[in-house]
Amino acid sequence: MMQCLISAGRVPATLLCASAMLSPAHGAAAAAPATVPIAPAASSAPAACKGTIYMTFDTGSQSQAQLIADVLNKRHVKATFFLANEKTTRGDYSLDPSWAPYWKARVAEGHAFGTHTFDHVYWKKDLANGLIQVKPQFGKDGGKLASFTDQQFCEELRRVDTRFQELTGHKLDPFWRAPGGYTSPRTLAAGSACGYQHAGWAPAGYSGDELPSDKYPNAMLLKKALANLRSGDIFIAHMGIWSRKEAWAPANLDALISGLQDKGFCFATLRAHPAYAQKKGQP
């Protein structure tokens, strides 16, 4: 099972995200530390809400990008997007100039945005010499092991911010999410030092959209999410997964949001999450 590290406030804790494998779109990840339970964040919901869910999306194949935008608009939901420069089903990359209109529209709608590392860089291990061993999925060193200094890791996070400003004229919010959810004390410190706080997800917030659809059909994943999500939980899905035969979003996203709204839940970006709301400054 894939184990993912979430940073709650300034204190990291490890969360189990219930994935048996990673898709080709997200590569292989190193083993993570043992799981430590963590309570959901306190809700910042207004009095009219029974609780708040924080919907987040990581880039991927982008096959579901427009559908996600349409559903969020239809349901009046603001979400947080974590961006990497990933290869898309259109044959380009998700931070190419061809995607500028899409990202500009999401900025105008009031969504939040964090960095997912530019080349979708997986942490492998912290080295004894003070370097960080990583494996980028894309870019000139895609598929190869590399050793980063803390500053190089910081620059990998900032590359997304620079490109996002070029595409939209707006800076990212001060959040980052590690590909696969794999972090370490060194990567968390490097991110914090350059102005980005790591944001993982709740155990119940793992959509399962990376899992094989024959073993984890959409109906099963939807039922589990509706039954288990609680106020304060961060939910994660992707903007398209190459390996899943029956894509998650077309069947589940609208039904999940409407089902949670029927239960009295409201939605907010991570700008309003208690663990991140105090981070008002931009990196």
C-alpha atoms as a PDB file:
ATOM      1  CA  MET A   1       0.000   0.000   0.000  1.00  0.00           C
ATOM      2  CA  MET A   2       1.254   3.476  -0.801  1.00  0.00           C
ATOM      3  CA  GLN A   3       1.911   5.544   2.304  1.00  0.00           C
ATOM      4  CA  CYS A   4       1.768   9.291   2.073  1.00  0.00           C
ATOM      5  CA  LEU A   5       3.121  12.016   4.319  1.00  0.00           C
ATOM      6  CA  ILE A   6       0.930  14.958   5.223  1.00  0.00           C
ATOM      7  CA  SER A   7       2.145  18.065   6.987  1.00  0.00           C
ATOM      8  CA  ALA A   8      -0.417  19.367   9.472  1.00  0.00           C
ATOM      9  CA  GLY A   9       0.610  22.886  10.417  1.00  0.00           C
ATOM     10  CA  ARG A  10       4.351  22.735  10.931  1.00  0.00           C
ATOM     11  CA  VAL A  11       4.430  19.197  12.337  1.00  0.00           C
ATOM     12  CA  PRO A  12       4.582  16.356   9.759  1.00  0.00           C
ATOM     13  CA  ALA A  13       2.650  13.146  10.328  1.00  0.00           C
ATOM     14  CA  THR A  14       2.286  10.130   8.049  1.00  0.00           C
ATOM     15  CA  LEU A  15      -0.990   9.120   6.463  1.00  0.00           C
ATOM     16  CA  LEU A  16      -2.028   5.923   4.723  1.00  0.00           C
ATOM     17  CA  CYS A  17      -3.583   6.621   1.341  1.00  0.00           C
ATOM     18  CA  ALA A  18      -4.734   3.087   0.481  1.00  0.00           C
ATOM     19  CA  SER A  19      -3.086   2.723  -2.928  1.00  0.00           C
ATOM     20  CA  ALA A  20      -1.737  -0.669  -3.928  1.00  0.00           C
ATOM     21  CA  MET A  21       0.284   0.764  -6.814  1.00  0.00           C
ATOM     22  CA  LEU A  22       1.115   3.962  -8.645  1.00  0.00           C
ATOM     23  CA  SER A  23       0.033   4.446 -12.221  1.00  0.00           C
ATOM     24  CA  PRO A  24       2.525   4.912 -15.085  1.00  0.00           C
ATOM     25  CA  ALA A  25       1.567   8.568 -14.956  1.00  0.00           C
ATOM     26  CA  HIS A  26       3.093   8.820 -11.518  1.00  0.00           C
ATOM     27  CA  GLY A  27       6.005   6.386 -11.617  1.00  0.00           C
ATOM     28  CA  ALA A  28       7.314   4.159  -8.820  1.00  0.00           C
ATOM     29  CA  ALA A  29       7.863   5.636  -5.373  1.00  0.00           C
ATOM     30  CA  ALA A  30      10.138   4.718  -2.513  1.00  0.00           C
ATOM     31  CA  ALA A  31       8.828   3.073   0.646  1.00  0.00           C
ATOM     32  CA  ALA A  32       7.470   5.526   3.190  1.00  0.00           C
ATOM     33  CA  PRO A  33       7.749   5.556   6.978  1.00  0.00           C
ATOM     34  CA  ALA A  34       5.301   3.825   9.302  1.00  0.00           C
ATOM     35  CA  THR A  35       1.809   5.222   9.614  1.00  0.00           C
ATOM     36  CA  VAL A  36       0.899   7.582  12.446  1.00  0.00           C
ATOM     37  CA  PRO A  37      -2.824   8.370  12.914  1.00  0.00           C
ATOM     38  CA  ILE A  38      -3.833  11.988  12.646  1.00  0.00           C
ATOM     39  CA  ALA A  39      -7.176  13.559  13.463  1.00  0.00           C
ATOM     40  CA  PRO A  40      -8.982  15.585  10.780  1.00  0.00           C
ATOM     41  CA  ALA A  41      -8.382  19.315  10.917  1.00  0.00           C
ATOM     42  CA  ALA A  42     -11.002  21.345  12.720  1.00  0.00           C
ATOM     43  CA  SER A  43     -13.592  22.699  10.325  1.00  0.00           C
ATOM     44  CA  SER A  44     -13.616  26.351   9.366  1.00  0.00           C
ATOM     45  CA  ALA A  45     -17.152  26.000   7.969  1.00  0.00           C
ATOM     46  CA  PRO A  46     -19.669  28.797   8.408  1.00  0.00           C
ATOM     47  CA  ALA A  47     -22.665  28.205  10.679  1.00  0.00           C
ATOM     48  CA  ALA A  48     -24.856  27.146   7.738  1.00  0.00           C
ATOM     49  CA  CYS A  49     -22.523  24.231   6.962  1.00  0.00           C
ATOM     50  CA  LYS A  50     -22.231  20.992   8.877  1.00  0.00           C
ATOM     51  CA  GLY A  51     -18.568  20.865   7.938  1.00  0.00           C
ATOM     52  CA  THR A  52     -15.995  21.687   5.282  1.00  0.00           C
ATOM     53  CA  ILE A  53     -14.267  19.421   2.758  1.00  0.00           C
ATOM     54  CA  TYR A  54     -11.118  20.630   0.980  1.00  0.00           C
ATOM     55  CA  MET A  55     -11.171  19.351  -2.614  1.00  0.00           C
ATOM     56  CA  THR A  56      -7.744  19.164  -4.296  1.00  0.00           C
ATOM     57  CA  PHE A  57      -6.558  18.023  -7.728  1.00  0.00           C
ATOM     58  CA  ASP A  58      -3.077  17.071  -8.918  1.00  0.00           C
ATOM     59  CA  THR A  59      -2.160  17.389 -12.578  1.00  0.00           C
ATOM     60  CA  GLY A  60      -1.896  14.168 -14.567  1.00  0.00           C
ATOM     61  CA  SER A  61      -2.820  13.255 -18.127  1.00  0.00           C
ATOM     62  CA  GLN A  62      -5.264  16.227 -18.082  1.00  0.00           C
ATOM     63  CA  SER A  63      -7.890  14.096 -19.838  1.00  0.00           C
ATOM     64  CA  GLN A  64     -10.427  15.186 -17.207  1.00  0.00           C
ATOM     65  CA  ALA A  65      -9.333  18.829 -16.920  1.00  0.00           C
ATOM     66  CA  GLN A  66     -12.320  20.473 -18.584  1.00  0.00           C
ATOM     67  CA  LEU A  67     -14.832  18.124 -16.995  1.00  0.00           C
ATOM     68  CA  ILE A  68     -13.414  18.931 -13.557  1.00  0.00           C
ATOM     69  CA  ALA A  69     -13.686  22.655 -14.240  1.00  0.00           C
ATOM     70  CA  ASP A  70     -17.275  22.268 -15.485  1.00  0.00           C
ATOM     71  CA  VAL A  71     -18.387  20.244 -12.448  1.00  0.00           C
ATOM     72  CA  LEU A  72     -16.772  22.655  -9.992  1.00  0.00           C
ATOM     73  CA  ASN A  73     -18.553  25.565 -11.681  1.00  0.00           C
ATOM     74  CA  LYS A  74     -21.853  23.718 -11.771  1.00  0.00           C
ATOM     75  CA  ARG A  75     -21.663  22.930  -8.049  1.00  0.00           C
ATOM     76  CA  HIS A  76     -20.141  26.306  -7.047  1.00  0.00           C
ATOM     77  CA  VAL A  77     -17.110  24.611  -5.489  1.00  0.00           C
ATOM     78  CA  LYS A  78     -13.666  26.171  -5.089  1.00  0.00           C
ATOM     79  CA  ALA A  79     -10.765  23.720  -5.131  1.00  0.00           C
ATOM     80  CA  THR A  80      -6.971  23.681  -4.858  1.00  0.00           C
ATOM     81  CA  PHE A  81      -4.884  22.547  -7.835  1.00  0.00           C
ATOM     82  CA  PHE A  82      -1.313  21.219  -7.496  1.00  0.00           C
ATOM     83  CA  LEU A  83       0.606  21.724 -10.733  1.00  0.00           C
ATOM     84  CA  ALA A  84       3.496  19.866 -12.369  1.00  0.00           C
ATOM     85  CA  ASN A  85       4.544  19.995 -16.012  1.00  0.00           C
ATOM     86  CA  GLU A  86       3.116  16.591 -16.952  1.00  0.00           C
ATOM     87  CA  LYS A  87       2.596  15.054 -20.386  1.00  0.00           C
ATOM     88  CA  THR A  88      -1.049  15.267 -21.440  1.00  0.00           C
ATOM     89  CA  THR A  89      -3.399  13.353 -23.723  1.00  0.00           C
ATOM     90  CA  ARG A  90      -3.279  16.370 -26.071  1.00  0.00           C
ATOM     91  CA  GLY A  91       0.396  15.633 -26.763  1.00  0.00           C
ATOM     92  CA  ASP A  92       1.661  18.714 -24.950  1.00  0.00           C
ATOM     93  CA  TYR A  93       2.515  19.403 -21.288  1.00  0.00           C
ATOM     94  CA  SER A  94       0.254  20.803 -18.604  1.00  0.00           C
ATOM     95  CA  LEU A  95       2.305  23.975 -18.108  1.00  0.00           C
ATOM     96  CA  ASP A  96       2.874  24.680 -21.796  1.00  0.00           C
ATOM     97  CA  PRO A  97       1.590  28.025 -23.142  1.00  0.00           C
ATOM     98  CA  SER A  98      -1.265  26.066 -24.748  1.00  0.00           C
ATOM     99  CA  TRP A  99      -2.694  25.584 -21.244  1.00  0.00           C
ATOM    100  CA  ALA A 100      -2.606  29.285 -20.342  1.00  0.00           C
ATOM    101  CA  PRO A 101      -6.319  29.877 -21.144  1.00  0.00           C
ATOM    102  CA  TYR A 102      -7.321  26.960 -18.947  1.00  0.00           C
ATOM    103  CA  TRP A 103      -5.281  28.095 -15.947  1.00  0.00           C
ATOM    104  CA  LYS A 104      -6.276  31.748 -16.400  1.00  0.00           C
ATOM    105  CA  ALA A 105      -9.931  30.719 -16.281  1.00  0.00           C
ATOM    106  CA  ARG A 106      -9.407  28.785 -13.048  1.00  0.00           C
ATOM    107  CA  VAL A 107      -7.650  31.790 -11.491  1.00  0.00           C
ATOM    108  CA  ALA A 108     -10.594  33.996 -12.454  1.00  0.00           C
ATOM    109  CA  GLU A 109     -12.963  31.520 -10.804  1.00  0.00           C
ATOM    110  CA  GLY A 110     -11.187  31.853  -7.460  1.00  0.00           C
ATOM    111  CA  HIS A 111      -9.458  28.493  -7.096  1.00  0.00           C
ATOM    112  CA  ALA A 112      -6.150  28.071  -5.245  1.00  0.00           C
ATOM    113  CA  PHE A 113      -2.903  26.710  -6.722  1.00  0.00           C
ATOM    114  CA  GLY A 114       0.186  24.995  -5.338  1.00  0.00           C
ATOM    115  CA  THR A 115       3.376  23.499  -6.742  1.00  0.00           C
ATOM    116  CA  HIS A 116       3.696  19.755  -7.393  1.00  0.00           C
ATOM    117  CA  THR A 117       7.380  20.088  -8.511  1.00  0.00           C
ATOM    118  CA  PHE A 118       8.001  21.095 -12.111  1.00  0.00           C
ATOM    119  CA  ASP A 119       9.204  17.755 -13.484  1.00  0.00           C
ATOM    120  CA  HIS A 120       7.020  15.654 -11.147  1.00  0.00           C
ATOM    121  CA  VAL A 121      10.052  14.800  -9.040  1.00  0.00           C
ATOM    122  CA  TYR A 122       9.793  11.814  -6.714  1.00  0.00           C
ATOM    123  CA  TRP A 123      11.734  11.792  -3.459  1.00  0.00           C
ATOM    124  CA  LYS A 124      13.714   8.555  -3.100  1.00  0.00           C
ATOM    125  CA  LYS A 125      15.837   9.059   0.016  1.00  0.00           C
ATOM    126  CA  ASP A 126      17.825  11.540   2.068  1.00  0.00           C
ATOM    127  CA  LEU A 127      21.530  10.877   1.532  1.00  0.00           C
ATOM    128  CA  ALA A 128      24.210  10.821   4.221  1.00  0.00           C
ATOM    129  CA  ASN A 129      26.113  13.612   2.466  1.00  0.00           C
ATOM    130  CA  GLY A 130      23.241  16.046   3.001  1.00  0.00           C
ATOM    131  CA  LEU A 131      21.828  15.713  -0.526  1.00  0.00           C
ATOM    132  CA  ILE A 132      18.358  14.519  -1.530  1.00  0.00           C
ATOM    133  CA  GLN A 133      18.093  11.615  -3.956  1.00  0.00           C
ATOM    134  CA  VAL A 134      15.203  12.160  -6.368  1.00  0.00           C
ATOM    135  CA  LYS A 135      13.816  10.754  -9.614  1.00  0.00           C
ATOM    136  CA  PRO A 136      12.140  13.206 -11.993  1.00  0.00           C
ATOM    137  CA  GLN A 137       9.410  11.726 -14.177  1.00  0.00           C
ATOM    138  CA  PHE A 138       9.653  14.357 -16.914  1.00  0.00           C
ATOM    139  CA  GLY A 139      12.197  16.840 -18.256  1.00  0.00           C
ATOM    140  CA  LYS A 140      15.693  16.227 -19.560  1.00  0.00           C
ATOM    141  CA  ASP A 141      16.505  13.897 -16.648  1.00  0.00           C
ATOM    142  CA  GLY A 142      13.166  12.069 -16.665  1.00  0.00           C
ATOM    143  CA  GLY A 143      13.481   8.519 -15.358  1.00  0.00           C
ATOM    144  CA  LYS A 144      16.991   9.051 -13.977  1.00  0.00           C
ATOM    145  CA  LEU A 145      18.157   9.274 -10.383  1.00  0.00           C
ATOM    146  CA  ALA A 146      19.594  12.632  -9.388  1.00  0.00           C
ATOM    147  CA  SER A 147      20.969  14.246  -6.247  1.00  0.00           C
ATOM    148  CA  PHE A 148      19.614  17.657  -5.254  1.00  0.00           C
ATOM    149  CA  THR A 149      20.822  20.129  -2.707  1.00  0.00           C
ATOM    150  CA  ASP A 150      18.144  21.761  -0.570  1.00  0.00           C
ATOM    151  CA  GLN A 151      18.419  24.813  -2.819  1.00  0.00           C
ATOM    152  CA  GLN A 152      17.977  22.741  -5.975  1.00  0.00           C
ATOM    153  CA  PHE A 153      14.879  21.142  -4.481  1.00  0.00           C
ATOM    154  CA  CYS A 154      13.554  24.597  -3.652  1.00  0.00           C
ATOM    155  CA  GLU A 155      14.190  25.747  -7.205  1.00  0.00           C
ATOM    156  CA  GLU A 156      12.240  22.743  -8.508  1.00  0.00           C
ATOM    157  CA  LEU A 157       9.254  23.975  -6.499  1.00  0.00           C
ATOM    158  CA  ARG A 158       9.730  27.572  -7.622  1.00  0.00           C
ATOM    159  CA  ARG A 159       9.927  26.657 -11.311  1.00  0.00           C
ATOM    160  CA  VAL A 160       6.191  25.963 -11.203  1.00  0.00           C
ATOM    161  CA  ASP A 161       5.546  29.341  -9.592  1.00  0.00           C
ATOM    162  CA  THR A 162       7.600  31.122 -12.247  1.00  0.00           C
ATOM    163  CA  ARG A 163       5.819  29.341 -15.092  1.00  0.00           C
ATOM    164  CA  PHE A 164       2.388  29.904 -13.531  1.00  0.00           C
ATOM    165  CA  GLN A 165       3.064  33.637 -13.346  1.00  0.00           C
ATOM    166  CA  GLU A 166       4.140  33.605 -17.002  1.00  0.00           C
ATOM    167  CA  LEU A 167       0.921  31.820 -17.985  1.00  0.00           C
ATOM    168  CA  THR A 168      -1.577  33.653 -15.769  1.00  0.00           C
ATOM    169  CA  GLY A 169       0.040  36.747 -14.269  1.00  0.00           C
ATOM    170  CA  HIS A 170      -0.614  35.353 -10.773  1.00  0.00           C
ATOM    171  CA  LYS A 171       1.611  33.748  -8.146  1.00  0.00           C
ATOM    172  CA  LEU A 172       0.981  30.360  -6.614  1.00  0.00           C
ATOM    173  CA  ASP A 173      -0.317  29.983  -3.088  1.00  0.00           C
ATOM    174  CA  PRO A 174       2.369  28.921  -0.575  1.00  0.00           C
ATOM    175  CA  PHE A 175       1.590  25.186  -0.731  1.00  0.00           C
ATOM    176  CA  TRP A 176       3.344  22.211  -2.267  1.00  0.00           C
ATOM    177  CA  ARG A 177       2.507  18.533  -2.629  1.00  0.00           C
ATOM    178  CA  ALA A 178       5.073  15.815  -3.211  1.00  0.00           C
ATOM    179  CA  PRO A 179       4.457  13.427  -6.125  1.00  0.00           C
ATOM    180  CA  GLY A 180       3.151  10.198  -4.649  1.00  0.00           C
ATOM    181  CA  GLY A 181       2.855  12.011  -1.327  1.00  0.00           C
ATOM    182  CA  TYR A 182       6.418  10.942  -0.461  1.00  0.00           C
ATOM    183  CA  THR A 183       8.309  13.404   1.687  1.00  0.00           C
ATOM    184  CA  SER A 184      11.147  13.387   4.189  1.00  0.00           C
ATOM    185  CA  PRO A 185      12.354  15.718   6.925  1.00  0.00           C
ATOM    186  CA  ARG A 186      14.816  17.221   4.418  1.00  0.00           C
ATOM    187  CA  THR A 187      12.263  17.868   1.663  1.00  0.00           C
ATOM    188  CA  LEU A 188       9.761  19.305   4.134  1.00  0.00           C
ATOM    189  CA  ALA A 189      12.459  21.622   5.499  1.00  0.00           C
ATOM    190  CA  ALA A 190      13.593  22.625   2.005  1.00  0.00           C
ATOM    191  CA  GLY A 191      10.039  23.459   0.987  1.00  0.00           C
ATOM    192  CA  SER A 192       9.400  25.440   4.145  1.00  0.00           C
ATOM    193  CA  ALA A 193      12.654  27.359   3.773  1.00  0.00           C
ATOM    194  CA  CYS A 194      11.609  28.653   0.362  1.00  0.00           C
ATOM    195  CA  GLY A 195       8.055  29.488   1.407  1.00  0.00           C
ATOM    196  CA  TYR A 196       5.941  26.407   0.634  1.00  0.00           C
ATOM    197  CA  GLN A 197       4.147  24.262   3.204  1.00  0.00           C
ATOM    198  CA  HIS A 198       3.452  20.645   2.331  1.00  0.00           C
ATOM    199  CA  ALA A 199      -0.197  19.625   1.953  1.00  0.00           C
ATOM    200  CA  GLY A 200      -1.076  15.940   1.855  1.00  0.00           C
ATOM    201  CA  TRP A 201      -4.544  14.442   2.268  1.00  0.00           C
ATOM    202  CA  ALA A 202      -6.719  12.594   4.766  1.00  0.00           C
ATOM    203  CA  PRO A 203      -6.954   8.771   4.724  1.00  0.00           C
ATOM    204  CA  ALA A 204     -10.623   9.021   3.732  1.00  0.00           C
ATOM    205  CA  GLY A 205      -9.695  11.674   1.171  1.00  0.00           C
ATOM    206  CA  TYR A 206      -7.822   9.340  -1.171  1.00  0.00           C
ATOM    207  CA  SER A 207     -10.029   9.059  -4.272  1.00  0.00           C
ATOM    208  CA  GLY A 208      -8.465   5.815  -5.491  1.00  0.00           C
ATOM    209  CA  ASP A 209      -8.350   7.116  -9.045  1.00  0.00           C
ATOM    210  CA  GLU A 210      -4.858   5.660  -9.541  1.00  0.00           C
ATOM    211  CA  LEU A 211      -6.047   2.131  -8.770  1.00  0.00           C
ATOM    212  CA  PRO A 212      -7.094  -0.423 -11.433  1.00  0.00           C
ATOM    213  CA  SER A 213     -10.785   0.016 -12.185  1.00  0.00           C
ATOM    214  CA  ASP A 214     -11.462  -3.726 -12.452  1.00  0.00           C
ATOM    215  CA  LYS A 215     -10.540  -4.189  -8.785  1.00  0.00           C
ATOM    216  CA  TYR A 216     -11.652  -0.766  -7.563  1.00  0.00           C
ATOM    217  CA  PRO A 217     -14.719   0.214  -9.613  1.00  0.00           C
ATOM    218  CA  ASN A 218     -15.988   3.757  -9.482  1.00  0.00           C
ATOM    219  CA  ALA A 219     -19.135   2.800  -7.574  1.00  0.00           C
ATOM    220  CA  MET A 220     -17.041   1.273  -4.786  1.00  0.00           C
ATOM    221  CA  LEU A 221     -14.793   4.328  -4.532  1.00  0.00           C
ATOM    222  CA  LEU A 222     -17.761   6.706  -4.472  1.00  0.00           C
ATOM    223  CA  LYS A 223     -19.566   4.761  -1.762  1.00  0.00           C
ATOM    224  CA  LYS A 224     -16.421   4.672   0.383  1.00  0.00           C
ATOM    225  CA  ALA A 225     -15.778   8.404   0.042  1.00  0.00           C
ATOM    226  CA  LEU A 226     -19.354   9.386   0.848  1.00  0.00           C
ATOM    227  CA  ALA A 227     -19.366   7.124   3.910  1.00  0.00           C
ATOM    228  CA  ASN A 228     -15.987   8.083   5.345  1.00  0.00           C
ATOM    229  CA  LEU A 229     -15.240  11.750   4.592  1.00  0.00           C
ATOM    230  CA  ARG A 230     -15.468  14.010   7.630  1.00  0.00           C
ATOM    231  CA  SER A 231     -15.291  17.738   8.200  1.00  0.00           C
ATOM    232  CA  GLY A 232     -11.771  19.082   7.776  1.00  0.00           C
ATOM    233  CA  ASP A 233     -10.650  16.287   5.437  1.00  0.00           C
ATOM    234  CA  ILE A 234      -8.508  17.057   2.400  1.00  0.00           C
ATOM    235  CA  PHE A 235      -9.618  15.078  -0.659  1.00  0.00           C
ATOM    236  CA  ILE A 236      -7.270  14.245  -3.558  1.00  0.00           C
ATOM    237  CA  ALA A 237      -8.025  13.297  -7.152  1.00  0.00           C
ATOM    238  CA  HIS A 238      -6.073  13.714 -10.374  1.00  0.00           C
ATOM    239  CA  MET A 239      -6.832  15.529 -13.601  1.00  0.00           C
ATOM    240  CA  GLY A 240      -6.557  12.273 -15.516  1.00  0.00           C
ATOM    241  CA  ILE A 241      -4.733   8.978 -14.945  1.00  0.00           C
ATOM    242  CA  TRP A 242      -3.209   7.173 -17.909  1.00  0.00           C
ATOM    243  CA  SER A 243      -3.568   3.638 -16.570  1.00  0.00           C
ATOM    244  CA  ARG A 244      -7.139   3.576 -15.244  1.00  0.00           C
ATOM    245  CA  LYS A 245      -9.446   2.085 -17.902  1.00  0.00           C
ATOM    246  CA  GLU A 246     -12.632   3.660 -16.515  1.00  0.00           C
ATOM    247  CA  ALA A 247     -11.744   7.205 -15.556  1.00  0.00           C
ATOM    248  CA  TRP A 248     -12.807   8.246 -12.069  1.00  0.00           C
ATOM    249  CA  ALA A 249     -14.025  11.795 -12.614  1.00  0.00           C
ATOM    250  CA  PRO A 250     -16.826  11.378 -15.193  1.00  0.00           C
ATOM    251  CA  ALA A 251     -18.633   8.839 -13.031  1.00  0.00           C
ATOM    252  CA  ASN A 252     -17.788  10.116  -9.560  1.00  0.00           C
ATOM    253  CA  LEU A 253     -16.921  13.795  -9.241  1.00  0.00           C
ATOM    254  CA  ASP A 254     -20.362  15.329  -9.648  1.00  0.00           C
ATOM    255  CA  ALA A 255     -21.988  12.544  -7.627  1.00  0.00           C
ATOM    256  CA  LEU A 256     -19.441  12.934  -4.826  1.00  0.00           C
ATOM    257  CA  ILE A 257     -19.811  16.700  -4.556  1.00  0.00           C
ATOM    258  CA  SER A 258     -23.610  16.626  -4.732  1.00  0.00           C
ATOM    259  CA  GLY A 259     -23.734  13.780  -2.205  1.00  0.00           C
ATOM    260  CA  LEU A 260     -21.548  15.681   0.236  1.00  0.00           C
ATOM    261  CA  GLN A 261     -23.576  18.843  -0.276  1.00  0.00           C
ATOM    262  CA  ASP A 262     -26.732  16.866   0.468  1.00  0.00           C
ATOM    263  CA  LYS A 263     -25.115  15.889   3.778  1.00  0.00           C
ATOM    264  CA  GLY A 264     -24.607  19.567   4.592  1.00  0.00           C
ATOM    265  CA  PHE A 265     -20.928  19.877   3.731  1.00  0.00           C
ATOM    266  CA  CYS A 266     -19.454  23.018   2.220  1.00  0.00           C
ATOM    267  CA  PHE A 267     -16.191  23.253   0.270  1.00  0.00           C
ATOM    268  CA  ALA A 268     -13.189  25.577   0.515  1.00  0.00           C
ATOM    269  CA  THR A 269      -9.668  25.916  -0.835  1.00  0.00           C
ATOM    270  CA  LEU A 270      -6.634  25.257   1.334  1.00  0.00           C
ATOM    271  CA  ARG A 271      -6.388  29.009   1.829  1.00  0.00           C
ATOM    272  CA  ALA A 272      -9.121  28.514   4.437  1.00  0.00           C
ATOM    273  CA  HIS A 273      -7.781  25.288   5.986  1.00  0.00           C
ATOM    274  CA  PRO A 274      -6.751  25.803   9.639  1.00  0.00           C
ATOM    275  CA  ALA A 275      -3.320  24.237   9.009  1.00  0.00           C
ATOM    276  CA  TYR A 276      -2.522  26.595   6.123  1.00  0.00           C
ATOM    277  CA  ALA A 277      -4.655  29.713   6.564  1.00  0.00           C
ATOM    278  CA  GLN A 278      -2.007  31.377   8.730  1.00  0.00           C
ATOM    279  CA  LYS A 279       0.365  31.354   5.753  1.00  0.00           C
ATOM    280  CA  LYS A 280      -0.744  34.643   4.258  1.00  0.00           C
ATOM    281  CA  GLY A 281       2.524  35.651   2.582  1.00  0.00           C
ATOM    282  CA  GLN A 282       3.472  34.480  -0.891  1.00  0.00           C
ATOM    283  CA  PRO A 283       6.822  32.709  -1.531  1.00  0.00           C
END
